[in-house]
ModelCIF file with pLDDT and N, C-alpha, C, O atoms, coordinates in Angstrom:
data_MODEL
#
_entry.id   MODEL 
#
_entity.id                         1 
_entity.type                       polymer 
_entity.pdbx_number_of_molecules   1 
#
_entity_poly.entity_id                      1 
_entity_poly.type                           'polypeptide(L)' 
_entity_poly.nstd_linkage                   no 
_entity_poly.nstd_monomer                   no 
_entity_poly.pdbx_seq_one_letter_code       HMAVALGLALLLNARVRGVPLWRTAFYLPSITPVVAVALLWRFILNPA 
_entity_poly.pdbx_seq_one_letter_code_can   HMAVALGLALLLNARVRGVPLWRTAFYLPSITPVVAVALLWRFILNPA 
_entity_poly.pdbx_strand_id                 A 
#
loop_
_entity_poly_seq.entity_id 
_entity_poly_seq.num 
_entity_poly_seq.mon_id 
_entity_poly_seq.hetero 
1 1  HIS n 
1 2  MET n 
1 3  ALA n 
1 4  VAL n 
1 5  ALA n 
1 6  LEU n 
1 7  GLY n 
1 8  LEU n 
1 9  ALA n 
1 10 LEU n 
1 11 LEU n 
1 12 LEU n 
1 13 ASN n 
1 14 ALA n 
1 15 ARG n 
1 16 VAL n 
1 17 ARG n 
1 18 GLY n 
1 19 VAL n 
1 20 PRO n 
1 21 LEU n 
1 22 TRP n 
1 23 ARG n 
1 24 THR n 
1 25 ALA n 
1 26 PHE n 
1 27 TYR n 
1 28 LEU n 
1 29 PRO n 
1 30 SER n 
1 31 ILE n 
1 32 THR n 
1 33 PRO n 
1 34 VAL n 
1 35 VAL n 
1 36 ALA n 
1 37 VAL n 
1 38 ALA n 
1 39 LEU n 
1 40 LEU n 
1 41 TRP n 
1 42 ARG n 
1 43 PHE n 
1 44 ILE n 
1 45 LEU n 
1 46 ASN n 
1 47 PRO n 
1 48 ALA n 
#
_struct_asym.id          A 
_struct_asym.entity_id   1 
#
loop_
_ma_qa_metric.id 
_ma_qa_metric.mode 
_ma_qa_metric.name 
_ma_qa_metric.software_group_id 
_ma_qa_metric.type 
1 global pLDDT . pLDDT 
2 local  pLDDT . pLDDT 
#
_ma_qa_metric_global.metric_id      1 
_ma_qa_metric_global.metric_value   88.58 
_ma_qa_metric_global.model_id       1 
_ma_qa_metric_global.ordinal_id     1 
#
loop_
_ma_qa_metric_local.label_asym_id 
_ma_qa_metric_local.label_comp_id 
_ma_qa_metric_local.label_seq_id 
_ma_qa_metric_local.metric_id 
_ma_qa_metric_local.metric_value 
_ma_qa_metric_local.model_id 
_ma_qa_metric_local.ordinal_id 
A HIS 1  2 95.00 1 1  
A MET 2  2 95.00 1 2  
A ALA 3  2 95.00 1 3  
A VAL 4  2 94.00 1 4  
A ALA 5  2 94.00 1 5  
A LEU 6  2 94.00 1 6  
A GLY 7  2 93.00 1 7  
A LEU 8  2 92.00 1 8  
A ALA 9  2 92.00 1 9  
A LEU 10 2 92.00 1 10 
A LEU 11 2 89.00 1 11 
A LEU 12 2 88.00 1 12 
A ASN 13 2 88.00 1 13 
A ALA 14 2 82.00 1 14 
A ARG 15 2 75.00 1 15 
A VAL 16 2 72.00 1 16 
A ARG 17 2 77.00 1 17 
A GLY 18 2 77.00 1 18 
A VAL 19 2 80.00 1 19 
A PRO 20 2 82.00 1 20 
A LEU 21 2 86.00 1 21 
A TRP 22 2 84.00 1 22 
A ARG 23 2 85.00 1 23 
A THR 24 2 87.00 1 24 
A ALA 25 2 88.00 1 25 
A PHE 26 2 89.00 1 26 
A TYR 27 2 90.00 1 27 
A LEU 28 2 90.00 1 28 
A PRO 29 2 90.00 1 29 
A SER 30 2 89.00 1 30 
A ILE 31 2 90.00 1 31 
A THR 32 2 89.00 1 32 
A PRO 33 2 91.00 1 33 
A VAL 34 2 89.00 1 34 
A VAL 35 2 90.00 1 35 
A ALA 36 2 91.00 1 36 
A VAL 37 2 91.00 1 37 
A ALA 38 2 90.00 1 38 
A LEU 39 2 90.00 1 39 
A LEU 40 2 92.00 1 40 
A TRP 41 2 92.00 1 41 
A ARG 42 2 90.00 1 42 
A PHE 43 2 91.00 1 43 
A ILE 44 2 93.00 1 44 
A LEU 45 2 92.00 1 45 
A ASN 46 2 91.00 1 46 
A PRO 47 2 90.00 1 47 
A ALA 48 2 86.00 1 48 
#
loop_
_atom_site.group_PDB 
_atom_site.id 
_atom_site.type_symbol 
_atom_site.label_atom_id 
_atom_site.label_alt_id 
_atom_site.label_comp_id 
_atom_site.label_asym_id 
_atom_site.label_entity_id 
_atom_site.label_seq_id 
_atom_site.pdbx_PDB_ins_code 
_atom_site.Cartn_x 
_atom_site.Cartn_y 
_atom_site.Cartn_z 
_atom_site.occupancy 
_atom_site.B_iso_or_equiv 
_atom_site.pdbx_formal_charge 
_atom_site.auth_seq_id 
_atom_site.auth_comp_id 
_atom_site.auth_asym_id 
_atom_site.auth_atom_id 
_atom_site.pdbx_PDB_model_num 
ATOM 1   N N  . HIS A 1 1  ? 111.088 163.010 190.656 1.00 95.00 ? 1  HIS A N  1 
ATOM 2   C CA . HIS A 1 1  ? 111.013 161.691 191.287 1.00 95.00 ? 1  HIS A CA 1 
ATOM 3   C C  . HIS A 1 1  ? 109.645 161.054 191.062 1.00 95.00 ? 1  HIS A C  1 
ATOM 4   O O  . HIS A 1 1  ? 109.556 159.871 190.733 1.00 95.00 ? 1  HIS A O  1 
ATOM 5   N N  . MET A 1 2  ? 108.591 161.827 191.236 1.00 95.00 ? 2  MET A N  1 
ATOM 6   C CA . MET A 1 2  ? 107.248 161.297 191.046 1.00 95.00 ? 2  MET A CA 1 
ATOM 7   C C  . MET A 1 2  ? 106.996 160.963 189.584 1.00 95.00 ? 2  MET A C  1 
ATOM 8   O O  . MET A 1 2  ? 106.380 159.939 189.288 1.00 95.00 ? 2  MET A O  1 
ATOM 9   N N  . ALA A 1 3  ? 107.458 161.801 188.663 1.00 95.00 ? 3  ALA A N  1 
ATOM 10  C CA . ALA A 1 3  ? 107.229 161.562 187.235 1.00 95.00 ? 3  ALA A CA 1 
ATOM 11  C C  . ALA A 1 3  ? 107.952 160.308 186.768 1.00 95.00 ? 3  ALA A C  1 
ATOM 12  O O  . ALA A 1 3  ? 107.378 159.491 186.047 1.00 95.00 ? 3  ALA A O  1 
ATOM 13  N N  . VAL A 1 4  ? 109.215 160.148 187.176 1.00 94.00 ? 4  VAL A N  1 
ATOM 14  C CA . VAL A 1 4  ? 109.986 158.968 186.761 1.00 94.00 ? 4  VAL A CA 1 
ATOM 15  C C  . VAL A 1 4  ? 109.389 157.700 187.358 1.00 94.00 ? 4  VAL A C  1 
ATOM 16  O O  . VAL A 1 4  ? 109.245 156.694 186.664 1.00 94.00 ? 4  VAL A O  1 
ATOM 17  N N  . ALA A 1 5  ? 109.040 157.746 188.640 1.00 94.00 ? 5  ALA A N  1 
ATOM 18  C CA . ALA A 1 5  ? 108.461 156.561 189.277 1.00 94.00 ? 5  ALA A CA 1 
ATOM 19  C C  . ALA A 1 5  ? 107.129 156.186 188.638 1.00 94.00 ? 5  ALA A C  1 
ATOM 20  O O  . ALA A 1 5  ? 106.848 155.003 188.445 1.00 94.00 ? 5  ALA A O  1 
ATOM 21  N N  . LEU A 1 6  ? 106.310 157.178 188.309 1.00 94.00 ? 6  LEU A N  1 
ATOM 22  C CA . LEU A 1 6  ? 105.033 156.895 187.659 1.00 94.00 ? 6  LEU A CA 1 
ATOM 23  C C  . LEU A 1 6  ? 105.256 156.336 186.265 1.00 94.00 ? 6  LEU A C  1 
ATOM 24  O O  . LEU A 1 6  ? 104.556 155.410 185.854 1.00 94.00 ? 6  LEU A O  1 
ATOM 25  N N  . GLY A 1 7  ? 106.217 156.882 185.530 1.00 93.00 ? 7  GLY A N  1 
ATOM 26  C CA . GLY A 1 7  ? 106.518 156.363 184.199 1.00 93.00 ? 7  GLY A CA 1 
ATOM 27  C C  . GLY A 1 7  ? 106.956 154.911 184.244 1.00 93.00 ? 7  GLY A C  1 
ATOM 28  O O  . GLY A 1 7  ? 106.512 154.103 183.428 1.00 93.00 ? 7  GLY A O  1 
ATOM 29  N N  . LEU A 1 8  ? 107.821 154.571 185.186 1.00 92.00 ? 8  LEU A N  1 
ATOM 30  C CA . LEU A 1 8  ? 108.258 153.182 185.323 1.00 92.00 ? 8  LEU A CA 1 
ATOM 31  C C  . LEU A 1 8  ? 107.086 152.282 185.720 1.00 92.00 ? 8  LEU A C  1 
ATOM 32  O O  . LEU A 1 8  ? 106.974 151.159 185.227 1.00 92.00 ? 8  LEU A O  1 
ATOM 33  N N  . ALA A 1 9  ? 106.227 152.760 186.594 1.00 92.00 ? 9  ALA A N  1 
ATOM 34  C CA . ALA A 1 9  ? 105.070 151.957 187.001 1.00 92.00 ? 9  ALA A CA 1 
ATOM 35  C C  . ALA A 1 9  ? 104.139 151.694 185.825 1.00 92.00 ? 9  ALA A C  1 
ATOM 36  O O  . ALA A 1 9  ? 103.602 150.595 185.688 1.00 92.00 ? 9  ALA A O  1 
ATOM 37  N N  . LEU A 1 10 ? 103.948 152.701 184.975 1.00 92.00 ? 10 LEU A N  1 
ATOM 38  C CA . LEU A 1 10 ? 103.099 152.511 183.796 1.00 92.00 ? 10 LEU A CA 1 
ATOM 39  C C  . LEU A 1 10 ? 103.711 151.484 182.851 1.00 92.00 ? 10 LEU A C  1 
ATOM 40  O O  . LEU A 1 10 ? 102.996 150.673 182.263 1.00 92.00 ? 10 LEU A O  1 
ATOM 41  N N  . LEU A 1 11 ? 105.034 151.519 182.707 1.00 89.00 ? 11 LEU A N  1 
ATOM 42  C CA . LEU A 1 11 ? 105.685 150.526 181.852 1.00 89.00 ? 11 LEU A CA 1 
ATOM 43  C C  . LEU A 1 11 ? 105.554 149.122 182.433 1.00 89.00 ? 11 LEU A C  1 
ATOM 44  O O  . LEU A 1 11 ? 105.288 148.169 181.701 1.00 89.00 ? 11 LEU A O  1 
ATOM 45  N N  . LEU A 1 12 ? 105.736 148.994 183.723 1.00 88.00 ? 12 LEU A N  1 
ATOM 46  C CA . LEU A 1 12 ? 105.639 147.680 184.359 1.00 88.00 ? 12 LEU A CA 1 
ATOM 47  C C  . LEU A 1 12 ? 104.207 147.176 184.428 1.00 88.00 ? 12 LEU A C  1 
ATOM 48  O O  . LEU A 1 12 ? 103.977 145.977 184.588 1.00 88.00 ? 12 LEU A O  1 
ATOM 49  N N  . ASN A 1 13 ? 103.246 148.078 184.309 1.00 88.00 ? 13 ASN A N  1 
ATOM 50  C CA . ASN A 1 13 ? 101.841 147.674 184.331 1.00 88.00 ? 13 ASN A CA 1 
ATOM 51  C C  . ASN A 1 13 ? 101.386 147.119 182.988 1.00 88.00 ? 13 ASN A C  1 
ATOM 52  O O  . ASN A 1 13 ? 100.318 146.516 182.881 1.00 88.00 ? 13 ASN A O  1 
ATOM 53  N N  . ALA A 1 14 ? 102.217 147.333 181.959 1.00 82.00 ? 14 ALA A N  1 
ATOM 54  C CA . ALA A 1 14 ? 101.886 146.787 180.640 1.00 82.00 ? 14 ALA A CA 1 
ATOM 55  C C  . ALA A 1 14 ? 102.066 145.273 180.647 1.00 82.00 ? 14 ALA A C  1 
ATOM 56  O O  . ALA A 1 14 ? 102.872 144.732 181.405 1.00 82.00 ? 14 ALA A O  1 
ATOM 57  N N  . ARG A 1 15 ? 101.319 144.615 179.809 1.00 75.00 ? 15 ARG A N  1 
ATOM 58  C CA . ARG A 1 15 ? 101.358 143.154 179.771 1.00 75.00 ? 15 ARG A CA 1 
ATOM 59  C C  . ARG A 1 15 ? 102.470 142.702 178.820 1.00 75.00 ? 15 ARG A C  1 
ATOM 60  O O  . ARG A 1 15 ? 102.224 142.386 177.656 1.00 75.00 ? 15 ARG A O  1 
ATOM 61  N N  . VAL A 1 16 ? 103.670 142.681 179.334 1.00 72.00 ? 16 VAL A N  1 
ATOM 62  C CA . VAL A 1 16 ? 104.841 142.250 178.560 1.00 72.00 ? 16 VAL A CA 1 
ATOM 63  C C  . VAL A 1 16 ? 105.581 141.186 179.344 1.00 72.00 ? 16 VAL A C  1 
ATOM 64  O O  . VAL A 1 16 ? 105.360 141.008 180.542 1.00 72.00 ? 16 VAL A O  1 
ATOM 65  N N  . ARG A 1 17 ? 106.467 140.480 178.649 1.00 77.00 ? 17 ARG A N  1 
ATOM 66  C CA . ARG A 1 17 ? 107.215 139.410 179.297 1.00 77.00 ? 17 ARG A CA 1 
ATOM 67  C C  . ARG A 1 17 ? 108.357 140.004 180.125 1.00 77.00 ? 17 ARG A C  1 
ATOM 68  O O  . ARG A 1 17 ? 108.890 141.068 179.811 1.00 77.00 ? 17 ARG A O  1 
ATOM 69  N N  . GLY A 1 18 ? 108.711 139.289 181.183 1.00 77.00 ? 18 GLY A N  1 
ATOM 70  C CA . GLY A 1 18 ? 109.844 139.690 182.004 1.00 77.00 ? 18 GLY A CA 1 
ATOM 71  C C  . GLY A 1 18 ? 109.560 140.795 182.991 1.00 77.00 ? 18 GLY A C  1 
ATOM 72  O O  . GLY A 1 18 ? 110.491 141.416 183.503 1.00 77.00 ? 18 GLY A O  1 
ATOM 73  N N  . VAL A 1 19 ? 108.281 141.059 183.275 1.00 80.00 ? 19 VAL A N  1 
ATOM 74  C CA . VAL A 1 19 ? 107.948 142.139 184.204 1.00 80.00 ? 19 VAL A CA 1 
ATOM 75  C C  . VAL A 1 19 ? 108.560 141.911 185.593 1.00 80.00 ? 19 VAL A C  1 
ATOM 76  O O  . VAL A 1 19 ? 109.091 142.863 186.165 1.00 80.00 ? 19 VAL A O  1 
ATOM 77  N N  . PRO A 1 20 ? 108.513 140.692 186.169 1.00 82.00 ? 20 PRO A N  1 
ATOM 78  C CA . PRO A 1 20 ? 109.140 140.505 187.496 1.00 82.00 ? 20 PRO A CA 1 
ATOM 79  C C  . PRO A 1 20 ? 110.632 140.848 187.500 1.00 82.00 ? 20 PRO A C  1 
ATOM 80  O O  . PRO A 1 20 ? 111.138 141.416 188.468 1.00 82.00 ? 20 PRO A O  1 
ATOM 81  N N  . LEU A 1 21 ? 111.332 140.502 186.418 1.00 86.00 ? 21 LEU A N  1 
ATOM 82  C CA . LEU A 1 21 ? 112.760 140.813 186.332 1.00 86.00 ? 21 LEU A CA 1 
ATOM 83  C C  . LEU A 1 21 ? 112.993 142.321 186.312 1.00 86.00 ? 21 LEU A C  1 
ATOM 84  O O  . LEU A 1 21 ? 113.854 142.826 187.032 1.00 86.00 ? 21 LEU A O  1 
ATOM 85  N N  . TRP A 1 22 ? 112.226 143.043 185.489 1.00 84.00 ? 22 TRP A N  1 
ATOM 86  C CA . TRP A 1 22 ? 112.381 144.493 185.416 1.00 84.00 ? 22 TRP A CA 1 
ATOM 87  C C  . TRP A 1 22 ? 111.962 145.157 186.719 1.00 84.00 ? 22 TRP A C  1 
ATOM 88  O O  . TRP A 1 22 ? 112.576 146.130 187.158 1.00 84.00 ? 22 TRP A O  1 
ATOM 89  N N  . ARG A 1 23 ? 110.922 144.629 187.326 1.00 85.00 ? 23 ARG A N  1 
ATOM 90  C CA . ARG A 1 23 ? 110.468 145.191 188.599 1.00 85.00 ? 23 ARG A CA 1 
ATOM 91  C C  . ARG A 1 23 ? 111.568 145.088 189.652 1.00 85.00 ? 23 ARG A C  1 
ATOM 92  O O  . ARG A 1 23 ? 111.809 146.033 190.403 1.00 85.00 ? 23 ARG A O  1 
ATOM 93  N N  . THR A 1 24 ? 112.226 143.944 189.701 1.00 87.00 ? 24 THR A N  1 
ATOM 94  C CA . THR A 1 24 ? 113.334 143.760 190.648 1.00 87.00 ? 24 THR A CA 1 
ATOM 95  C C  . THR A 1 24 ? 114.490 144.694 190.325 1.00 87.00 ? 24 THR A C  1 
ATOM 96  O O  . THR A 1 24 ? 115.076 145.299 191.222 1.00 87.00 ? 24 THR A O  1 
ATOM 97  N N  . ALA A 1 25 ? 114.819 144.811 189.036 1.00 88.00 ? 25 ALA A N  1 
ATOM 98  C CA . ALA A 1 25 ? 115.939 145.667 188.633 1.00 88.00 ? 25 ALA A CA 1 
ATOM 99  C C  . ALA A 1 25 ? 115.684 147.124 188.992 1.00 88.00 ? 25 ALA A C  1 
ATOM 100 O O  . ALA A 1 25 ? 116.597 147.814 189.445 1.00 88.00 ? 25 ALA A O  1 
ATOM 101 N N  . PHE A 1 26 ? 114.470 147.598 188.802 1.00 89.00 ? 26 PHE A N  1 
ATOM 102 C CA . PHE A 1 26 ? 114.159 148.994 189.112 1.00 89.00 ? 26 PHE A CA 1 
ATOM 103 C C  . PHE A 1 26 ? 114.057 149.237 190.613 1.00 89.00 ? 26 PHE A C  1 
ATOM 104 O O  . PHE A 1 26 ? 114.276 150.355 191.080 1.00 89.00 ? 26 PHE A O  1 
ATOM 105 N N  . TYR A 1 27 ? 113.724 148.192 191.371 1.00 90.00 ? 27 TYR A N  1 
ATOM 106 C CA . TYR A 1 27 ? 113.546 148.375 192.808 1.00 90.00 ? 27 TYR A CA 1 
ATOM 107 C C  . TYR A 1 27 ? 114.857 148.271 193.581 1.00 90.00 ? 27 TYR A C  1 
ATOM 108 O O  . TYR A 1 27 ? 114.994 148.889 194.637 1.00 90.00 ? 27 TYR A O  1 
ATOM 109 N N  . LEU A 1 28 ? 115.814 147.511 193.084 1.00 90.00 ? 28 LEU A N  1 
ATOM 110 C CA . LEU A 1 28 ? 117.054 147.257 193.816 1.00 90.00 ? 28 LEU A CA 1 
ATOM 111 C C  . LEU A 1 28 ? 117.779 148.531 194.269 1.00 90.00 ? 28 LEU A C  1 
ATOM 112 O O  . LEU A 1 28 ? 118.254 148.572 195.404 1.00 90.00 ? 28 LEU A O  1 
ATOM 113 N N  . PRO A 1 29 ? 117.886 149.574 193.430 1.00 90.00 ? 29 PRO A N  1 
ATOM 114 C CA . PRO A 1 29 ? 118.602 150.770 193.907 1.00 90.00 ? 29 PRO A CA 1 
ATOM 115 C C  . PRO A 1 29 ? 117.995 151.392 195.161 1.00 90.00 ? 29 PRO A C  1 
ATOM 116 O O  . PRO A 1 29 ? 118.709 152.012 195.948 1.00 90.00 ? 29 PRO A O  1 
ATOM 117 N N  . SER A 1 30 ? 116.690 151.235 195.355 1.00 89.00 ? 30 SER A N  1 
ATOM 118 C CA . SER A 1 30 ? 116.048 151.865 196.510 1.00 89.00 ? 30 SER A CA 1 
ATOM 119 C C  . SER A 1 30 ? 116.389 151.165 197.818 1.00 89.00 ? 30 SER A C  1 
ATOM 120 O O  . SER A 1 30 ? 116.212 151.753 198.885 1.00 89.00 ? 30 SER A O  1 
ATOM 121 N N  . ILE A 1 31 ? 116.870 149.931 197.769 1.00 90.00 ? 31 ILE A N  1 
ATOM 122 C CA . ILE A 1 31 ? 117.262 149.226 198.991 1.00 90.00 ? 31 ILE A CA 1 
ATOM 123 C C  . ILE A 1 31 ? 118.774 149.146 199.129 1.00 90.00 ? 31 ILE A C  1 
ATOM 124 O O  . ILE A 1 31 ? 119.280 148.519 200.060 1.00 90.00 ? 31 ILE A O  1 
ATOM 125 N N  . THR A 1 32 ? 119.505 149.779 198.207 1.00 89.00 ? 32 THR A N  1 
ATOM 126 C CA . THR A 1 32 ? 120.957 149.846 198.313 1.00 89.00 ? 32 THR A CA 1 
ATOM 127 C C  . THR A 1 32 ? 121.324 150.906 199.348 1.00 89.00 ? 32 THR A C  1 
ATOM 128 O O  . THR A 1 32 ? 120.729 151.983 199.339 1.00 89.00 ? 32 THR A O  1 
ATOM 129 N N  . PRO A 1 33 ? 122.278 150.644 200.238 1.00 91.00 ? 33 PRO A N  1 
ATOM 130 C CA . PRO A 1 33 ? 122.661 151.657 201.239 1.00 91.00 ? 33 PRO A CA 1 
ATOM 131 C C  . PRO A 1 33 ? 123.039 152.982 200.596 1.00 91.00 ? 33 PRO A C  1 
ATOM 132 O O  . PRO A 1 33 ? 123.651 153.024 199.529 1.00 91.00 ? 33 PRO A O  1 
ATOM 133 N N  . VAL A 1 34 ? 122.660 154.067 201.271 1.00 89.00 ? 34 VAL A N  1 
ATOM 134 C CA . VAL A 1 34 ? 122.877 155.405 200.721 1.00 89.00 ? 34 VAL A CA 1 
ATOM 135 C C  . VAL A 1 34 ? 124.349 155.665 200.462 1.00 89.00 ? 34 VAL A C  1 
ATOM 136 O O  . VAL A 1 34 ? 124.702 156.275 199.453 1.00 89.00 ? 34 VAL A O  1 
ATOM 137 N N  . VAL A 1 35 ? 125.212 155.212 201.359 1.00 90.00 ? 35 VAL A N  1 
ATOM 138 C CA . VAL A 1 35 ? 126.646 155.443 201.182 1.00 90.00 ? 35 VAL A CA 1 
ATOM 139 C C  . VAL A 1 35 ? 127.148 154.740 199.929 1.00 90.00 ? 35 VAL A C  1 
ATOM 140 O O  . VAL A 1 35 ? 127.937 155.307 199.173 1.00 90.00 ? 35 VAL A O  1 
ATOM 141 N N  . ALA A 1 36 ? 126.695 153.507 199.704 1.00 91.00 ? 36 ALA A N  1 
ATOM 142 C CA . ALA A 1 36 ? 127.112 152.784 198.505 1.00 91.00 ? 36 ALA A CA 1 
ATOM 143 C C  . ALA A 1 36 ? 126.618 153.478 197.242 1.00 91.00 ? 36 ALA A C  1 
ATOM 144 O O  . ALA A 1 36 ? 127.346 153.561 196.254 1.00 91.00 ? 36 ALA A O  1 
ATOM 145 N N  . VAL A 1 37 ? 125.382 153.977 197.269 1.00 91.00 ? 37 VAL A N  1 
ATOM 146 C CA . VAL A 1 37 ? 124.838 154.704 196.118 1.00 91.00 ? 37 VAL A CA 1 
ATOM 147 C C  . VAL A 1 37 ? 125.658 155.955 195.845 1.00 91.00 ? 37 VAL A C  1 
ATOM 148 O O  . VAL A 1 37 ? 125.984 156.242 194.693 1.00 91.00 ? 37 VAL A O  1 
ATOM 149 N N  . ALA A 1 38 ? 125.997 156.704 196.894 1.00 90.00 ? 38 ALA A N  1 
ATOM 150 C CA . ALA A 1 38 ? 126.768 157.940 196.715 1.00 90.00 ? 38 ALA A CA 1 
ATOM 151 C C  . ALA A 1 38 ? 128.155 157.649 196.164 1.00 90.00 ? 38 ALA A C  1 
ATOM 152 O O  . ALA A 1 38 ? 128.645 158.384 195.307 1.00 90.00 ? 38 ALA A O  1 
ATOM 153 N N  . LEU A 1 39 ? 128.800 156.576 196.647 1.00 90.00 ? 39 LEU A N  1 
ATOM 154 C CA . LEU A 1 39 ? 130.127 156.221 196.133 1.00 90.00 ? 39 LEU A CA 1 
ATOM 155 C C  . LEU A 1 39 ? 130.054 155.819 194.671 1.00 90.00 ? 39 LEU A C  1 
ATOM 156 O O  . LEU A 1 39 ? 130.929 156.172 193.880 1.00 90.00 ? 39 LEU A O  1 
ATOM 157 N N  . LEU A 1 40 ? 129.002 155.074 194.307 1.00 92.00 ? 40 LEU A N  1 
ATOM 158 C CA . LEU A 1 40 ? 128.833 154.687 192.908 1.00 92.00 ? 40 LEU A CA 1 
ATOM 159 C C  . LEU A 1 40 ? 128.650 155.905 192.031 1.00 92.00 ? 40 LEU A C  1 
ATOM 160 O O  . LEU A 1 40 ? 129.266 156.002 190.970 1.00 92.00 ? 40 LEU A O  1 
ATOM 161 N N  . TRP A 1 41 ? 127.801 156.848 192.461 1.00 92.00 ? 41 TRP A N  1 
ATOM 162 C CA . TRP A 1 41 ? 127.529 158.037 191.650 1.00 92.00 ? 41 TRP A CA 1 
ATOM 163 C C  . TRP A 1 41 ? 128.689 159.029 191.672 1.00 92.00 ? 41 TRP A C  1 
ATOM 164 O O  . TRP A 1 41 ? 128.762 159.912 190.817 1.00 92.00 ? 41 TRP A O  1 
ATOM 165 N N  . ARG A 1 42 ? 129.594 158.894 192.636 1.00 90.00 ? 42 ARG A N  1 
ATOM 166 C CA . ARG A 1 42 ? 130.799 159.725 192.588 1.00 90.00 ? 42 ARG A CA 1 
ATOM 167 C C  . ARG A 1 42 ? 131.615 159.395 191.348 1.00 90.00 ? 42 ARG A C  1 
ATOM 168 O O  . ARG A 1 42 ? 132.203 160.281 190.729 1.00 90.00 ? 42 ARG A O  1 
ATOM 169 N N  . PHE A 1 43 ? 131.649 158.103 190.984 1.00 91.00 ? 43 PHE A N  1 
ATOM 170 C CA . PHE A 1 43 ? 132.345 157.703 189.760 1.00 91.00 ? 43 PHE A CA 1 
ATOM 171 C C  . PHE A 1 43 ? 131.541 158.070 188.521 1.00 91.00 ? 43 PHE A C  1 
ATOM 172 O O  . PHE A 1 43 ? 132.110 158.491 187.514 1.00 91.00 ? 43 PHE A O  1 
ATOM 173 N N  . ILE A 1 44 ? 130.227 157.914 188.588 1.00 93.00 ? 44 ILE A N  1 
ATOM 174 C CA . ILE A 1 44 ? 129.393 158.214 187.425 1.00 93.00 ? 44 ILE A CA 1 
ATOM 175 C C  . ILE A 1 44 ? 129.439 159.706 187.083 1.00 93.00 ? 44 ILE A C  1 
ATOM 176 O O  . ILE A 1 44 ? 129.487 160.079 185.911 1.00 93.00 ? 44 ILE A O  1 
ATOM 177 N N  . LEU A 1 45 ? 129.424 160.554 188.115 1.00 92.00 ? 45 LEU A N  1 
ATOM 178 C CA . LEU A 1 45 ? 129.348 162.004 187.913 1.00 92.00 ? 45 LEU A CA 1 
ATOM 179 C C  . LEU A 1 45 ? 130.713 162.681 187.873 1.00 92.00 ? 45 LEU A C  1 
ATOM 180 O O  . LEU A 1 45 ? 130.788 163.907 187.791 1.00 92.00 ? 45 LEU A O  1 
ATOM 181 N N  . ASN A 1 46 ? 131.775 161.917 187.929 1.00 91.00 ? 46 ASN A N  1 
ATOM 182 C CA . ASN A 1 46 ? 133.115 162.512 187.880 1.00 91.00 ? 46 ASN A CA 1 
ATOM 183 C C  . ASN A 1 46 ? 133.270 163.363 186.625 1.00 91.00 ? 46 ASN A C  1 
ATOM 184 O O  . ASN A 1 46 ? 133.100 162.844 185.522 1.00 91.00 ? 46 ASN A O  1 
ATOM 185 N N  . PRO A 1 47 ? 133.590 164.669 186.754 1.00 90.00 ? 47 PRO A N  1 
ATOM 186 C CA . PRO A 1 47 ? 133.649 165.538 185.565 1.00 90.00 ? 47 PRO A CA 1 
ATOM 187 C C  . PRO A 1 47 ? 134.718 165.128 184.567 1.00 90.00 ? 47 PRO A C  1 
ATOM 188 O O  . PRO A 1 47 ? 134.557 165.351 183.367 1.00 90.00 ? 47 PRO A O  1 
ATOM 189 N N  . ALA A 1 48 ? 135.808 164.531 185.042 1.00 86.00 ? 48 ALA A N  1 
ATOM 190 C CA . ALA A 1 48 ? 136.921 164.213 184.152 1.00 86.00 ? 48 ALA A CA 1 
ATOM 191 C C  . ALA A 1 48 ? 136.669 162.947 183.343 1.00 86.00 ? 48 ALA A C  1 
ATOM 192 O O  . ALA A 1 48 ? 137.516 162.545 182.545 1.00 86.00 ? 48 ALA A O  1 
#
């Protein structure tokens, strides 16, 4: 968790276009309700 978050922060700290958009996209999952996240990942991680 710390490595991925630091990697994303380093990328967003670079001087590139669209940083506010990417920052919002990366932050949105953290404010999504836990139940909704778990239901979404139930489909993503489905073995079949």
